[in-house]
Amino acid sequence: MPFYDYQCDKCKEKFEVLQKVSDEPLTECEKCKGPLKKILNSMTFHLHGPGFYSTDNKRKYLK
């Protein structure tokens, strides 16, 4: 299950929620009952090891 980031339009509180992809988005701030909007976050991950592109960080394995 992924984490989703939300921000309240009224109090500007930011928080993240663990939700299923199939769950409906949250619409009301628990703190002030203001409207919420889902915000995009920058998620990064790195692929290491053999089998990935040559530009990735991979080790040269000895034979």
PDB file of N, CA and C in Angstrom:
ATOM      1  N   MET A   1       0.842  -1.179   0.000  1.00  0.00           N
ATOM      2  CA  MET A   1       0.000   0.000   0.000  1.00  0.00           C
ATOM      3  C   MET A   1       0.887   1.243   0.000  1.00  0.00           C
ATOM      4  N   PRO A   2       0.548   2.214  -0.834  1.00  0.00           N
ATOM      5  CA  PRO A   2       1.359   3.435  -0.918  1.00  0.00           C
ATOM      6  C   PRO A   2       0.944   4.492   0.099  1.00  0.00           C
ATOM      7  N   PHE A   3       1.863   5.405   0.328  1.00  0.00           N
ATOM      8  CA  PHE A   3       1.589   6.583   1.150  1.00  0.00           C
ATOM      9  C   PHE A   3       1.142   7.717   0.226  1.00  0.00           C
ATOM     10  N   TYR A   4       0.141   8.475   0.651  1.00  0.00           N
ATOM     11  CA  TYR A   4      -0.322   9.634  -0.083  1.00  0.00           C
ATOM     12  C   TYR A   4      -0.180  10.867   0.794  1.00  0.00           C
ATOM     13  N   ASP A   5       0.253  11.975   0.186  1.00  0.00           N
ATOM     14  CA  ASP A   5       0.413  13.239   0.902  1.00  0.00           C
ATOM     15  C   ASP A   5      -0.814  14.113   0.662  1.00  0.00           C
ATOM     16  N   TYR A   6      -1.273  14.733   1.738  1.00  0.00           N
ATOM     17  CA  TYR A   6      -2.415  15.640   1.679  1.00  0.00           C
ATOM     18  C   TYR A   6      -2.040  16.946   2.339  1.00  0.00           C
ATOM     19  N   GLN A   7      -2.724  18.032   1.908  1.00  0.00           N
ATOM     20  CA  GLN A   7      -2.561  19.331   2.552  1.00  0.00           C
ATOM     21  C   GLN A   7      -3.936  19.971   2.687  1.00  0.00           C
ATOM     22  N   CYS A   8      -4.170  20.540   3.852  1.00  0.00           N
ATOM     23  CA  CYS A   8      -5.426  21.223   4.129  1.00  0.00           C
ATOM     24  C   CYS A   8      -5.372  22.624   3.530  1.00  0.00           C
ATOM     25  N   ASP A   9      -6.440  23.011   2.829  1.00  0.00           N
ATOM     26  CA  ASP A   9      -6.508  24.358   2.254  1.00  0.00           C
ATOM     27  C   ASP A   9      -6.720  25.430   3.322  1.00  0.00           C
ATOM     28  N   LYS A  10      -7.331  25.046   4.439  1.00  0.00           N
ATOM     29  CA  LYS A  10      -7.672  26.019   5.477  1.00  0.00           C
ATOM     30  C   LYS A  10      -6.505  26.265   6.448  1.00  0.00           C
ATOM     31  N   CYS A  11      -5.988  25.191   7.075  1.00  0.00           N
ATOM     32  CA  CYS A  11      -4.934  25.365   8.087  1.00  0.00           C
ATOM     33  C   CYS A  11      -3.525  25.081   7.559  1.00  0.00           C
ATOM     34  N   LYS A  12      -3.425  24.651   6.301  1.00  0.00           N
ATOM     35  CA  LYS A  12      -2.136  24.380   5.630  1.00  0.00           C
ATOM     36  C   LYS A  12      -1.357  23.226   6.261  1.00  0.00           C
ATOM     37  N   GLU A  13      -2.015  22.405   7.067  1.00  0.00           N
ATOM     38  CA  GLU A  13      -1.379  21.229   7.672  1.00  0.00           C
ATOM     39  C   GLU A  13      -1.074  20.204   6.574  1.00  0.00           C
ATOM     40  N   LYS A  14       0.134  19.637   6.596  1.00  0.00           N
ATOM     41  CA  LYS A  14       0.522  18.584   5.651  1.00  0.00           C
ATOM     42  C   LYS A  14       0.681  17.283   6.414  1.00  0.00           C
ATOM     43  N   PHE A  15       0.219  16.183   5.822  1.00  0.00           N
ATOM     44  CA  PHE A  15       0.381  14.874   6.440  1.00  0.00           C
ATOM     45  C   PHE A  15       0.318  13.803   5.380  1.00  0.00           C
ATOM     46  N   GLU A  16       0.791  12.619   5.740  1.00  0.00           N
ATOM     47  CA  GLU A  16       0.746  11.500   4.815  1.00  0.00           C
ATOM     48  C   GLU A  16      -0.091  10.380   5.410  1.00  0.00           C
ATOM     49  N   VAL A  17      -0.741   9.632   4.513  1.00  0.00           N
ATOM     50  CA  VAL A  17      -1.663   8.583   4.920  1.00  0.00           C
ATOM     51  C   VAL A  17      -1.352   7.325   4.122  1.00  0.00           C
ATOM     52  N   LEU A  18      -1.333   6.196   4.794  1.00  0.00           N
ATOM     53  CA  LEU A  18      -1.168   4.910   4.136  1.00  0.00           C
ATOM     54  C   LEU A  18      -2.548   4.445   3.690  1.00  0.00           C
ATOM     55  N   GLN A  19      -2.750   4.342   2.375  1.00  0.00           N
ATOM     56  CA  GLN A  19      -4.044   3.962   1.826  1.00  0.00           C
ATOM     57  C   GLN A  19      -3.879   2.946   0.718  1.00  0.00           C
ATOM     58  N   LYS A  20      -4.935   2.163   0.508  1.00  0.00           N
ATOM     59  CA  LYS A  20      -4.990   1.289  -0.651  1.00  0.00           C
ATOM     60  C   LYS A  20      -5.195   2.146  -1.889  1.00  0.00           C
ATOM     61  N   VAL A  21      -4.761   1.646  -3.033  1.00  0.00           N
ATOM     62  CA  VAL A  21      -4.955   2.363  -4.287  1.00  0.00           C
ATOM     63  C   VAL A  21      -6.446   2.517  -4.575  1.00  0.00           C
ATOM     64  N   SER A  22      -7.236   1.541  -4.178  1.00  0.00           N
ATOM     65  CA  SER A  22      -8.677   1.555  -4.447  1.00  0.00           C
ATOM     66  C   SER A  22      -9.471   2.421  -3.467  1.00  0.00           C
ATOM     67  N   ASP A  23      -8.849   2.914  -2.377  1.00  0.00           N
ATOM     68  CA  ASP A  23      -9.549   3.760  -1.407  1.00  0.00           C
ATOM     69  C   ASP A  23      -9.884   5.118  -2.005  1.00  0.00           C
ATOM     70  N   GLU A  24     -11.010   5.669  -1.559  1.00  0.00           N
ATOM     71  CA  GLU A  24     -11.387   7.026  -1.966  1.00  0.00           C
ATOM     72  C   GLU A  24     -10.433   8.034  -1.310  1.00  0.00           C
ATOM     73  N   PRO A  25     -10.088   9.116  -2.010  1.00  0.00           N
ATOM     74  CA  PRO A  25      -9.225  10.133  -1.398  1.00  0.00           C
ATOM     75  C   PRO A  25      -9.920  10.815  -0.226  1.00  0.00           C
ATOM     76  N   LEU A  26      -9.125  11.256   0.744  1.00  0.00           N
ATOM     77  CA  LEU A  26      -9.675  11.984   1.878  1.00  0.00           C
ATOM     78  C   LEU A  26     -10.137  13.362   1.419  1.00  0.00           C
ATOM     79  N   THR A  27     -11.182  13.888   2.057  1.00  0.00           N
ATOM     80  CA  THR A  27     -11.730  15.172   1.640  1.00  0.00           C
ATOM     81  C   THR A  27     -11.805  16.190   2.764  1.00  0.00           C
ATOM     82  N   GLU A  28     -11.651  15.757   4.029  1.00  0.00           N
ATOM     83  CA  GLU A  28     -11.822  16.667   5.158  1.00  0.00           C
ATOM     84  C   GLU A  28     -10.666  16.522   6.145  1.00  0.00           C
ATOM     85  N   CYS A  29     -10.098  17.644   6.553  1.00  0.00           N
ATOM     86  CA  CYS A  29      -9.007  17.669   7.524  1.00  0.00           C
ATOM     87  C   CYS A  29      -9.537  17.259   8.894  1.00  0.00           C
ATOM     88  N   GLU A  30      -8.843  16.354   9.558  1.00  0.00           N
ATOM     89  CA  GLU A  30      -9.260  15.909  10.892  1.00  0.00           C
ATOM     90  C   GLU A  30      -9.029  16.995  11.944  1.00  0.00           C
ATOM     91  N   LYS A  31      -8.079  17.887  11.679  1.00  0.00           N
ATOM     92  CA  LYS A  31      -7.724  18.925  12.651  1.00  0.00           C
ATOM     93  C   LYS A  31      -8.734  20.084  12.665  1.00  0.00           C
ATOM     94  N   CYS A  32      -9.062  20.616  11.467  1.00  0.00           N
ATOM     95  CA  CYS A  32      -9.915  21.810  11.406  1.00  0.00           C
ATOM     96  C   CYS A  32     -11.169  21.627  10.553  1.00  0.00           C
ATOM     97  N   LYS A  33     -11.348  20.439   9.977  1.00  0.00           N
ATOM     98  CA  LYS A  33     -12.505  20.119   9.116  1.00  0.00           C
ATOM     99  C   LYS A  33     -12.502  20.886   7.792  1.00  0.00           C
ATOM    100  N   GLY A  34     -11.352  21.446   7.418  1.00  0.00           N
ATOM    101  CA  GLY A  34     -11.238  22.153   6.141  1.00  0.00           C
ATOM    102  C   GLY A  34     -11.076  21.179   4.988  1.00  0.00           C
ATOM    103  N   PRO A  35     -11.174  21.671   3.742  1.00  0.00           N
ATOM    104  CA  PRO A  35     -11.032  20.809   2.568  1.00  0.00           C
ATOM    105  C   PRO A  35      -9.576  20.386   2.345  1.00  0.00           C
ATOM    106  N   LEU A  36      -9.398  19.144   1.926  1.00  0.00           N
ATOM    107  CA  LEU A  36      -8.061  18.604   1.660  1.00  0.00           C
ATOM    108  C   LEU A  36      -7.818  18.498   0.168  1.00  0.00           C
ATOM    109  N   LYS A  37      -6.555  18.564  -0.193  1.00  0.00           N
ATOM    110  CA  LYS A  37      -6.174  18.235  -1.561  1.00  0.00           C
ATOM    111  C   LYS A  37      -4.968  17.307  -1.502  1.00  0.00           C
ATOM    112  N   LYS A  38      -4.945  16.380  -2.416  1.00  0.00           N
ATOM    113  CA  LYS A  38      -3.827  15.436  -2.509  1.00  0.00           C
ATOM    114  C   LYS A  38      -2.683  16.147  -3.217  1.00  0.00           C
ATOM    115  N   ILE A  39      -1.484  16.070  -2.648  1.00  0.00           N
ATOM    116  CA  ILE A  39      -0.338  16.731  -3.260  1.00  0.00           C
ATOM    117  C   ILE A  39       0.638  15.675  -3.747  1.00  0.00           C
ATOM    118  N   LEU A  40       1.360  16.007  -4.788  1.00  0.00           N
ATOM    119  CA  LEU A  40       2.347  15.087  -5.360  1.00  0.00           C
ATOM    120  C   LEU A  40       3.643  15.198  -4.583  1.00  0.00           C
ATOM    121  N   ASN A  41       4.263  14.066  -4.351  1.00  0.00           N
ATOM    122  CA  ASN A  41       5.566  14.063  -3.706  1.00  0.00           C
ATOM    123  C   ASN A  41       6.583  13.471  -4.667  1.00  0.00           C
ATOM    124  N   SER A  42       7.824  13.748  -4.424  1.00  0.00           N
ATOM    125  CA  SER A  42       8.871  13.203  -5.281  1.00  0.00           C
ATOM    126  C   SER A  42       9.426  11.943  -4.641  1.00  0.00           C
ATOM    127  N   MET A  43       9.066  10.821  -5.196  1.00  0.00           N
ATOM    128  CA  MET A  43       9.521   9.535  -4.683  1.00  0.00           C
ATOM    129  C   MET A  43      10.716   9.081  -5.515  1.00  0.00           C
ATOM    130  N   THR A  44      11.745   8.623  -4.862  1.00  0.00           N
ATOM    131  CA  THR A  44      12.921   8.142  -5.579  1.00  0.00           C
ATOM    132  C   THR A  44      13.285   6.749  -5.105  1.00  0.00           C
ATOM    133  N   PHE A  45      13.854   5.981  -6.004  1.00  0.00           N
ATOM    134  CA  PHE A  45      14.410   4.688  -5.646  1.00  0.00           C
ATOM    135  C   PHE A  45      15.549   4.412  -6.604  1.00  0.00           C
ATOM    136  N   HIS A  46      16.444   3.558  -6.185  1.00  0.00           N
ATOM    137  CA  HIS A  46      17.627   3.247  -6.975  1.00  0.00           C
ATOM    138  C   HIS A  46      17.683   1.752  -7.238  1.00  0.00           C
ATOM    139  N   LEU A  47      18.045   1.401  -8.454  1.00  0.00           N
ATOM    140  CA  LEU A  47      18.208  -0.001  -8.822  1.00  0.00           C
ATOM    141  C   LEU A  47      19.699  -0.304  -8.877  1.00  0.00           C
ATOM    142  N   HIS A  48      20.122  -1.281  -8.114  1.00  0.00           N
ATOM    143  CA  HIS A  48      21.532  -1.668  -8.078  1.00  0.00           C
ATOM    144  C   HIS A  48      21.647  -3.148  -8.430  1.00  0.00           C
ATOM    145  N   GLY A  49      22.770  -3.503  -9.005  1.00  0.00           N
ATOM    146  CA  GLY A  49      23.038  -4.902  -9.275  1.00  0.00           C
ATOM    147  C   GLY A  49      23.043  -5.207 -10.759  1.00  0.00           C
ATOM    148  N   PRO A  50      23.337  -6.439 -11.099  1.00  0.00           N
ATOM    149  CA  PRO A  50      23.400  -6.815 -12.510  1.00  0.00           C
ATOM    150  C   PRO A  50      22.000  -6.858 -13.121  1.00  0.00           C
ATOM    151  N   GLY A  51      21.919  -6.614 -14.406  1.00  0.00           N
ATOM    152  CA  GLY A  51      20.653  -6.710 -15.097  1.00  0.00           C
ATOM    153  C   GLY A  51      19.968  -5.376 -15.324  1.00  0.00           C
ATOM    154  N   PHE A  52      20.550  -4.281 -14.863  1.00  0.00           N
ATOM    155  CA  PHE A  52      19.965  -2.972 -15.078  1.00  0.00           C
ATOM    156  C   PHE A  52      20.766  -2.231 -16.135  1.00  0.00           C
ATOM    157  N   TYR A  53      20.357  -1.062 -16.496  1.00  0.00           N
ATOM    158  CA  TYR A  53      21.023  -0.296 -17.533  1.00  0.00           C
ATOM    159  C   TYR A  53      22.478  -0.012 -17.176  1.00  0.00           C
ATOM    160  N   SER A  54      23.296   0.162 -18.186  1.00  0.00           N
ATOM    161  CA  SER A  54      24.725   0.371 -17.955  1.00  0.00           C
ATOM    162  C   SER A  54      25.013   1.710 -17.278  1.00  0.00           C
ATOM    163  N   THR A  55      24.073   2.650 -17.308  1.00  0.00           N
ATOM    164  CA  THR A  55      24.285   3.942 -16.660  1.00  0.00           C
ATOM    165  C   THR A  55      23.982   3.899 -15.169  1.00  0.00           C
ATOM    166  N   ASP A  56      23.398   2.805 -14.696  1.00  0.00           N
ATOM    167  CA  ASP A  56      23.094   2.681 -13.277  1.00  0.00           C
ATOM    168  C   ASP A  56      24.373   2.381 -12.483  1.00  0.00           C
ATOM    169  N   ASN A  57      24.280   2.570 -11.181  1.00  0.00           N
ATOM    170  CA  ASN A  57      25.405   2.258 -10.301  1.00  0.00           C
ATOM    171  C   ASN A  57      25.477   0.751 -10.120  1.00  0.00           C
ATOM    172  N   LYS A  58      26.334   0.117 -10.832  1.00  0.00           N
ATOM    173  CA  LYS A  58      26.466  -1.322 -10.680  1.00  0.00           C
ATOM    174  C   LYS A  58      27.938  -1.674 -10.486  1.00  0.00           C
ATOM    175  N   ARG A  59      28.156  -2.749  -9.798  1.00  0.00           N
ATOM    176  CA  ARG A  59      29.512  -3.229  -9.549  1.00  0.00           C
ATOM    177  C   ARG A  59      29.966  -4.096 -10.703  1.00  0.00           C
ATOM    178  N   LYS A  60      31.238  -4.088 -10.934  1.00  0.00           N
ATOM    179  CA  LYS A  60      31.796  -5.001 -11.917  1.00  0.00           C
ATOM    180  C   LYS A  60      32.152  -6.283 -11.174  1.00  0.00           C
ATOM    181  N   TYR A  61      31.494  -7.345 -11.538  1.00  0.00           N
ATOM    182  CA  TYR A  61      31.702  -8.618 -10.851  1.00  0.00           C
ATOM    183  C   TYR A  61      32.878  -9.359 -11.463  1.00  0.00           C
ATOM    184  N   LEU A  62      33.675  -9.942 -10.600  1.00  0.00           N
ATOM    185  CA  LEU A  62      34.830 -10.717 -11.038  1.00  0.00           C
ATOM    186  C   LEU A  62      34.388 -12.107 -11.439  1.00  0.00           C
ATOM    187  N   LYS A  63      35.004 -12.630 -12.478  1.00  0.00           N
ATOM    188  CA  LYS A  63      34.682 -13.993 -12.908  1.00  0.00           C
ATOM    189  C   LYS A  63      35.656 -14.969 -12.371  1.00  0.00           C
TER     190      LYS A  63
END
